Amino acid sequence: MAEVNHQIRLAARPVGLPKESDWERAETPIPGPGPGEVLIKIHYLSVDPAMRGWMNDRPSYVPPVGIGEVMRALTVGEVIASNNKGFPPGEFVAGIQGVQEYALSDGTDLMKADLALAPAPAWLNTLGIAGLTAYCGLIEVGQPKAGETVVVSGAAGSVGAHAGQIARIKGCRVVGIAGGTEKCAYLTDELGFDAAVDYKTQPIGAGLGQACPDGIDVFFDNVGGEILDAALARINPFGRLALCGAISQYNLTDKPYGVRNAILLVPRRARMQGFIYFDYRAEWPAMLEDLATWRADGRISVRDDIVEGGVQAFPETLLRLFRGENFGKLMIKVAD
């Protein structure tokens, strides 16, 4: 086993897009597990838009990453040493072990990742943050009914692709919003969306008007800003808006976009709700059973966008999210 643990630590609070000086590249000895602990060799780490919020020193659903701390990240890896009977050596686990090669855990934050059920990357994709976030937001918050029109922003991303496919499974008409002809073709030709709106080639309001002539019943939003405003303008009476994220707003250095159409929630008796998938942890086992079934029978099919280069590739890989360069669930391969 290697003797050094490479880590990426937060060195400064970013202003706008994170830059190289916001990171510290550190080397530490590989720790040994204490009583009740396990040592995990990380194989893949997830790169997610939420990371940008974790870097800010402001109240949120989790504490901000501290200056000098290992950057928070969801991971999947192998237990290589254990003093915890619940997690023997050789078992794969998913957790929040950060941007590093090795991590200690007492097991309370770990979920077993059965590689007989799905390969390791799937536990950061359909059976991990992407699939669970989509399931929680669409089913628990959006509450779609067969025959309704569901619109998903950021639909070619990992969460959006899952949300749209789950809506199809539930018998809904599904419209995806994405940037570029390749991504829009992916939605309709590969994932079976009923329509796609390319926000890069047409005004979003006009595009939604054409794709949703009968309005929107459920809007699953990953983008915020003008796209959220355009969806609000077309929300049907008693419609539901599930706010998953607002990637268009995360790196602004001036005032965020002021949503103008929120007043329409009142006459249309619509509901807009944010959510965090952690809040539904008690329901995850049942959700994972559904997701695993849909993955196995082909009703959910998604892409992995896996970057080689280990933890050293993290700072540049994170920027791919905000440039719209990822295509599928973005993650970094840390070890074989």
Protein backbone atom coordinates (compact mmCIF):
# COMPACT_ATOMS: atom_id res chain seq x y z
CA MET A 1 0.00 0.00 0.00
CA ALA A 2 1.21 3.53 -0.75
CA GLU A 3 2.45 5.50 2.24
CA VAL A 4 1.05 8.91 1.29
CA ASN A 5 -2.53 10.14 1.20
CA HIS A 6 -3.01 12.90 -1.38
CA GLN A 7 -5.72 15.43 -0.54
CA ILE A 8 -7.31 18.58 -1.95
CA ARG A 9 -8.10 21.10 0.80
CA LEU A 10 -9.99 24.39 0.67
CA ALA A 11 -7.47 27.23 0.96
CA ALA A 12 -9.74 30.26 0.46
CA ARG A 13 -13.38 31.21 -0.08
CA PRO A 14 -13.90 31.58 -3.84
CA VAL A 15 -15.25 34.76 -5.37
CA GLY A 16 -17.04 33.74 -8.52
CA LEU A 17 -15.62 30.63 -10.16
CA PRO A 18 -13.12 28.74 -7.97
CA LYS A 19 -9.52 29.29 -9.03
CA GLU A 20 -6.29 27.41 -8.41
CA SER A 21 -5.31 29.57 -5.42
CA ASP A 22 -8.53 28.53 -3.64
CA TRP A 23 -7.07 25.02 -3.25
CA GLU A 24 -4.25 23.44 -1.28
CA ARG A 25 -2.71 20.18 -2.48
CA ALA A 26 -1.64 18.25 0.60
CA GLU A 27 0.11 15.00 1.44
CA THR A 28 -0.39 13.22 4.77
CA PRO A 29 0.48 9.80 6.15
CA ILE A 30 -2.21 7.19 5.59
CA PRO A 31 -3.99 6.80 8.93
CA GLY A 32 -4.70 3.53 10.68
CA PRO A 33 -8.22 2.78 11.91
CA GLY A 34 -8.93 3.29 15.60
CA PRO A 35 -11.51 1.42 17.67
CA GLY A 36 -14.73 1.03 15.65
CA GLU A 37 -13.20 2.66 12.59
CA VAL A 38 -12.54 1.55 9.04
CA LEU A 39 -9.92 2.71 6.55
CA ILE A 40 -11.33 3.25 3.06
CA LYS A 41 -9.39 3.37 -0.19
CA ILE A 42 -11.41 5.70 -2.39
CA HIS A 43 -12.00 4.51 -5.95
CA TYR A 44 -14.35 7.23 -7.29
CA LEU A 45 -15.42 10.63 -6.06
CA SER A 46 -18.48 12.55 -7.16
CA VAL A 47 -18.25 16.09 -8.59
CA ASP A 48 -21.49 17.96 -7.94
CA PRO A 49 -22.85 21.52 -8.26
CA ALA A 50 -23.63 21.52 -4.52
CA MET A 51 -19.89 21.66 -3.85
CA ARG A 52 -19.86 25.33 -4.81
CA GLY A 53 -22.33 26.13 -2.04
CA TRP A 54 -20.36 24.11 0.50
CA MET A 55 -17.39 26.41 -0.12
CA ASN A 56 -19.25 29.55 0.99
CA ASP A 57 -19.21 30.72 4.60
CA ARG A 58 -22.96 31.02 5.00
CA PRO A 59 -25.75 29.04 6.66
CA SER A 60 -26.91 25.99 4.71
CA TYR A 61 -28.19 22.46 5.22
CA VAL A 62 -24.63 21.37 6.08
CA PRO A 63 -21.80 23.39 7.66
CA PRO A 64 -19.45 25.06 5.19
CA VAL A 65 -16.15 23.36 4.45
CA GLY A 66 -13.62 25.00 6.74
CA ILE A 67 -10.49 26.70 5.44
CA GLY A 68 -7.74 24.09 5.54
CA GLU A 69 -10.19 21.16 5.57
CA VAL A 70 -10.35 18.39 2.97
CA MET A 71 -12.94 19.37 0.37
CA ARG A 72 -16.22 17.57 0.99
CA ALA A 73 -17.20 15.01 -1.67
CA LEU A 74 -19.32 11.91 -1.98
CA THR A 75 -17.24 8.83 -2.63
CA VAL A 76 -17.31 5.10 -3.19
CA GLY A 77 -14.40 2.95 -2.10
CA GLU A 78 -13.10 -0.26 -0.58
CA VAL A 79 -12.62 -1.04 3.09
CA ILE A 80 -8.96 -2.09 3.35
CA ALA A 81 -8.62 -2.22 7.14
CA SER A 82 -11.36 -2.47 9.74
CA ASN A 83 -12.04 -2.44 13.44
CA ASN A 84 -15.78 -2.36 12.76
CA LYS A 85 -17.64 -5.67 12.49
CA GLY A 86 -20.27 -4.06 10.25
CA PHE A 87 -17.76 -3.30 7.49
CA PRO A 88 -15.21 -6.08 6.88
CA PRO A 89 -12.16 -5.62 4.63
CA GLY A 90 -12.96 -6.05 0.95
CA GLU A 91 -16.44 -4.54 1.21
CA PHE A 92 -17.28 -1.49 -0.90
CA VAL A 93 -19.00 1.47 0.72
CA ALA A 94 -20.42 4.83 -0.34
CA GLY A 95 -20.11 7.87 1.90
CA ILE A 96 -18.84 11.44 2.19
CA GLN A 97 -15.10 10.88 2.52
CA GLY A 98 -13.85 13.94 0.66
CA VAL A 99 -11.35 14.69 -2.09
CA GLN A 100 -8.57 12.39 -0.95
CA GLU A 101 -7.23 8.92 -1.62
CA TYR A 102 -7.82 7.34 1.81
CA ALA A 103 -10.28 8.15 4.58
CA LEU A 104 -11.28 6.98 8.05
CA SER A 105 -14.91 6.45 9.10
CA ASP A 106 -16.70 5.15 12.16
CA GLY A 107 -19.30 3.66 9.83
CA THR A 108 -22.22 5.93 10.74
CA ASP A 109 -22.06 7.77 7.41
CA LEU A 110 -21.49 4.71 5.22
CA MET A 111 -23.84 2.81 2.93
CA LYS A 112 -22.87 -0.61 1.62
CA ALA A 113 -22.28 -0.62 -2.14
CA ASP A 114 -23.01 -4.10 -3.48
CA LEU A 115 -20.89 -4.52 -6.60
CA ALA A 116 -22.86 -7.65 -7.47
CA LEU A 117 -25.87 -5.38 -7.93
CA ALA A 118 -24.10 -2.59 -9.83
CA PRO A 119 -20.52 -1.46 -10.53
CA ALA A 120 -18.88 1.10 -8.27
CA PRO A 121 -19.66 4.22 -10.37
CA ALA A 122 -23.39 3.42 -10.25
CA TRP A 123 -23.30 4.05 -6.48
CA LEU A 124 -22.53 7.70 -7.24
CA ASN A 125 -25.03 7.77 -10.10
CA THR A 126 -28.33 5.87 -10.26
CA LEU A 127 -27.90 4.21 -6.85
CA GLY A 128 -26.30 7.27 -5.30
CA ILE A 129 -26.73 11.03 -5.15
CA ALA A 130 -28.06 11.44 -8.71
CA GLY A 131 -30.78 8.81 -8.65
CA LEU A 132 -31.81 9.44 -5.05
CA THR A 133 -31.97 13.21 -5.53
CA ALA A 134 -34.13 12.81 -8.63
CA TYR A 135 -36.41 10.32 -6.89
CA CYS A 136 -36.87 12.48 -3.77
CA GLY A 137 -37.51 15.67 -5.70
CA LEU A 138 -39.79 14.26 -8.35
CA ILE A 139 -41.80 11.72 -6.35
CA GLU A 140 -41.86 13.21 -2.86
CA VAL A 141 -42.05 16.91 -3.82
CA GLY A 142 -43.33 16.95 -7.40
CA GLN A 143 -45.86 14.16 -6.89
CA PRO A 144 -46.46 13.57 -10.62
CA LYS A 145 -49.63 11.94 -11.88
CA ALA A 146 -49.99 9.93 -15.08
CA GLY A 147 -50.80 12.17 -18.03
CA GLU A 148 -49.31 15.33 -16.52
CA THR A 149 -46.59 17.38 -18.18
CA VAL A 150 -43.27 17.31 -16.33
CA VAL A 151 -40.49 19.73 -17.31
CA VAL A 152 -36.90 19.20 -16.15
CA SER A 153 -34.17 21.83 -16.39
CA GLY A 154 -30.56 20.73 -16.64
CA ALA A 155 -32.11 17.61 -18.10
CA ALA A 156 -28.95 16.18 -19.68
CA GLY A 157 -27.15 16.26 -16.34
CA SER A 158 -27.09 13.31 -14.01
CA VAL A 159 -29.97 14.36 -11.75
CA GLY A 160 -32.08 15.77 -14.56
CA ALA A 161 -31.73 12.67 -16.72
CA HIS A 162 -32.94 10.51 -13.84
CA ALA A 163 -35.83 12.83 -13.01
CA GLY A 164 -37.09 12.80 -16.58
CA GLN A 165 -36.88 9.04 -16.90
CA ILE A 166 -38.66 8.49 -13.58
CA ALA A 167 -41.41 10.82 -14.79
CA ARG A 168 -41.77 8.68 -17.93
CA ILE A 169 -42.01 5.56 -15.77
CA LYS A 170 -44.87 7.27 -13.91
CA GLY A 171 -46.73 7.83 -17.18
CA CYS A 172 -46.05 11.55 -17.64
CA ARG A 173 -45.30 13.61 -20.72
CA VAL A 174 -41.69 14.77 -20.24
CA VAL A 175 -39.95 17.86 -21.61
CA GLY A 176 -36.27 18.47 -20.97
CA ILE A 177 -34.34 21.75 -21.08
CA ALA A 178 -30.69 21.47 -22.10
CA GLY A 179 -27.98 23.42 -23.89
CA GLY A 180 -26.95 22.34 -27.38
CA THR A 181 -28.28 20.10 -30.12
CA GLU A 182 -26.27 17.06 -28.97
CA LYS A 183 -27.70 17.14 -25.47
CA CYS A 184 -31.24 17.74 -26.70
CA ALA A 185 -30.96 14.82 -29.14
CA TYR A 186 -29.73 12.66 -26.26
CA LEU A 187 -32.87 13.48 -24.30
CA THR A 188 -35.32 12.60 -27.05
CA ASP A 189 -33.46 9.90 -28.97
CA GLU A 190 -31.77 7.96 -26.14
CA LEU A 191 -33.76 8.75 -22.99
CA GLY A 192 -37.21 8.91 -24.59
CA PHE A 193 -38.21 12.43 -23.53
CA ASP A 194 -41.22 13.67 -25.49
CA ALA A 195 -39.59 17.00 -26.34
CA ALA A 196 -36.47 19.03 -25.62
CA VAL A 197 -35.93 22.78 -25.45
CA ASP A 198 -32.48 24.10 -26.40
CA TYR A 199 -31.98 27.27 -24.38
CA LYS A 200 -28.88 28.11 -26.41
CA THR A 201 -30.70 28.43 -29.73
CA GLN A 202 -34.06 29.95 -28.81
CA PRO A 203 -35.61 32.13 -26.10
CA ILE A 204 -36.55 29.86 -23.23
CA GLY A 205 -40.06 31.29 -22.92
CA ALA A 206 -40.86 30.65 -26.57
CA GLY A 207 -39.33 27.19 -26.41
CA LEU A 208 -41.43 26.19 -23.42
CA GLY A 209 -44.52 27.63 -25.07
CA GLN A 210 -44.01 25.39 -28.09
CA ALA A 211 -43.10 22.28 -26.09
CA CYS A 212 -45.79 22.71 -23.43
CA PRO A 213 -48.91 24.04 -25.16
CA ASP A 214 -51.05 22.85 -22.25
CA GLY A 215 -48.79 24.31 -19.58
CA ILE A 216 -46.56 22.70 -16.95
CA ASP A 217 -47.83 20.54 -14.11
CA VAL A 218 -44.50 19.67 -12.48
CA PHE A 219 -41.23 21.56 -12.88
CA PHE A 220 -38.02 19.95 -11.60
CA ASP A 221 -35.44 22.73 -11.49
CA ASN A 222 -31.66 22.40 -11.42
CA VAL A 223 -30.85 25.79 -12.94
CA GLY A 224 -32.80 28.70 -11.41
CA GLY A 225 -32.70 32.24 -12.79
CA GLU A 226 -34.43 33.00 -16.07
CA ILE A 227 -35.34 29.36 -16.68
CA LEU A 228 -37.19 29.14 -13.37
CA ASP A 229 -38.95 32.39 -14.21
CA ALA A 230 -40.04 31.05 -17.60
CA ALA A 231 -41.43 27.88 -16.01
CA LEU A 232 -43.35 29.90 -13.42
CA ALA A 233 -45.00 31.82 -16.27
CA ARG A 234 -46.40 28.53 -17.60
CA ILE A 235 -47.21 26.64 -14.43
CA ASN A 236 -50.72 25.20 -14.36
CA PRO A 237 -53.22 25.61 -11.52
CA PHE A 238 -52.13 23.43 -8.59
CA GLY A 239 -48.77 22.81 -10.26
CA ARG A 240 -45.69 21.84 -8.26
CA LEU A 241 -42.15 23.17 -8.57
CA ALA A 242 -39.37 21.08 -6.99
CA LEU A 243 -36.25 23.19 -6.52
CA CYS A 244 -33.18 20.95 -6.62
CA GLY A 245 -30.53 23.56 -7.43
CA ALA A 246 -29.73 26.81 -9.21
CA ILE A 247 -26.46 26.25 -11.03
CA SER A 248 -26.90 29.42 -13.09
CA GLN A 249 -26.57 31.47 -9.90
CA TYR A 250 -23.77 29.76 -7.97
CA ASN A 251 -20.78 31.75 -9.24
CA LEU A 252 -22.31 35.22 -9.59
CA THR A 253 -20.28 38.07 -8.16
CA ASP A 254 -23.13 40.60 -8.36
CA LYS A 255 -26.77 40.35 -7.32
CA PRO A 256 -28.51 37.07 -8.21
CA TYR A 257 -31.29 37.02 -10.76
CA GLY A 258 -34.51 38.26 -9.21
CA VAL A 259 -37.34 35.86 -10.01
CA ARG A 260 -40.25 38.01 -11.24
CA ASN A 261 -43.05 35.50 -11.73
CA ALA A 262 -43.32 34.09 -8.20
CA ILE A 263 -46.54 36.07 -7.74
CA LEU A 264 -48.20 33.65 -10.18
CA LEU A 265 -48.02 30.97 -7.50
CA VAL A 266 -50.93 32.74 -5.79
CA PRO A 267 -53.65 32.83 -8.49
CA ARG A 268 -52.60 29.43 -9.80
CA ARG A 269 -52.50 27.92 -6.30
CA ALA A 270 -49.18 26.33 -7.18
CA ARG A 271 -46.54 25.10 -4.74
CA MET A 272 -42.78 25.72 -4.94
CA GLN A 273 -40.57 23.76 -2.57
CA GLY A 274 -36.87 23.23 -2.13
CA PHE A 275 -35.59 19.88 -0.92
CA ILE A 276 -32.43 18.04 0.14
CA TYR A 277 -32.23 14.32 -0.50
CA PHE A 278 -30.66 13.71 2.94
CA ASP A 279 -34.06 14.55 4.45
CA TYR A 280 -35.50 11.33 3.03
CA ARG A 281 -32.78 8.98 4.25
CA ALA A 282 -35.31 6.73 6.03
CA GLU A 283 -36.97 6.09 2.65
CA TRP A 284 -33.74 5.39 0.75
CA PRO A 285 -33.94 1.57 0.96
CA ALA A 286 -37.31 1.50 -0.80
CA MET A 287 -36.13 4.10 -3.30
CA LEU A 288 -32.96 2.13 -4.03
CA GLU A 289 -35.02 -0.98 -4.65
CA ASP A 290 -37.03 0.86 -7.30
CA LEU A 291 -33.95 2.49 -8.84
CA ALA A 292 -32.07 -0.81 -9.01
CA THR A 293 -35.05 -2.49 -10.69
CA TRP A 294 -35.45 0.29 -13.25
CA ARG A 295 -31.72 0.27 -13.96
CA ALA A 296 -31.66 -3.50 -14.41
CA ASP A 297 -34.65 -3.61 -16.78
CA GLY A 298 -33.42 -0.67 -18.86
CA ARG A 299 -36.09 1.85 -17.94
CA ILE A 300 -33.32 4.05 -16.53
CA SER A 301 -30.22 4.45 -18.66
CA VAL A 302 -27.68 7.17 -17.90
CA ARG A 303 -24.14 8.12 -18.79
CA ASP A 304 -21.06 8.21 -16.58
CA ASP A 305 -18.63 11.06 -17.29
CA ILE A 306 -15.50 9.74 -15.58
CA VAL A 307 -12.32 11.82 -15.48
CA GLU A 308 -8.95 10.13 -15.03
CA GLY A 309 -6.14 11.75 -13.06
CA GLY A 310 -6.97 11.12 -9.43
CA VAL A 311 -7.61 13.79 -6.82
CA GLN A 312 -5.18 16.16 -8.55
CA ALA A 313 -7.72 16.53 -11.36
CA PHE A 314 -10.43 17.85 -9.03
CA PRO A 315 -10.02 21.66 -9.31
CA GLU A 316 -10.24 21.67 -13.10
CA THR A 317 -12.93 18.98 -13.20
CA LEU A 318 -15.18 21.02 -10.90
CA LEU A 319 -15.09 23.89 -13.40
CA ARG A 320 -16.45 21.62 -16.13
CA LEU A 321 -19.81 21.65 -14.32
CA PHE A 322 -20.14 25.42 -14.58
CA ARG A 323 -18.99 25.52 -18.20
CA GLY A 324 -21.62 22.93 -19.14
CA GLU A 325 -18.93 20.56 -20.42
CA ASN A 326 -19.97 17.43 -18.54
CA PHE A 327 -22.26 14.94 -20.23
CA GLY A 328 -23.67 12.56 -17.64
CA LYS A 329 -22.70 11.99 -14.01
CA LEU A 330 -19.38 13.71 -13.48
CA MET A 331 -16.93 11.86 -11.26
CA ILE A 332 -13.20 11.31 -10.87
CA LYS A 333 -11.49 7.93 -10.89
CA VAL A 334 -9.10 7.88 -7.96
CA ALA A 335 -7.93 4.26 -7.95
CA ASP A 336 -8.48 0.99 -9.80
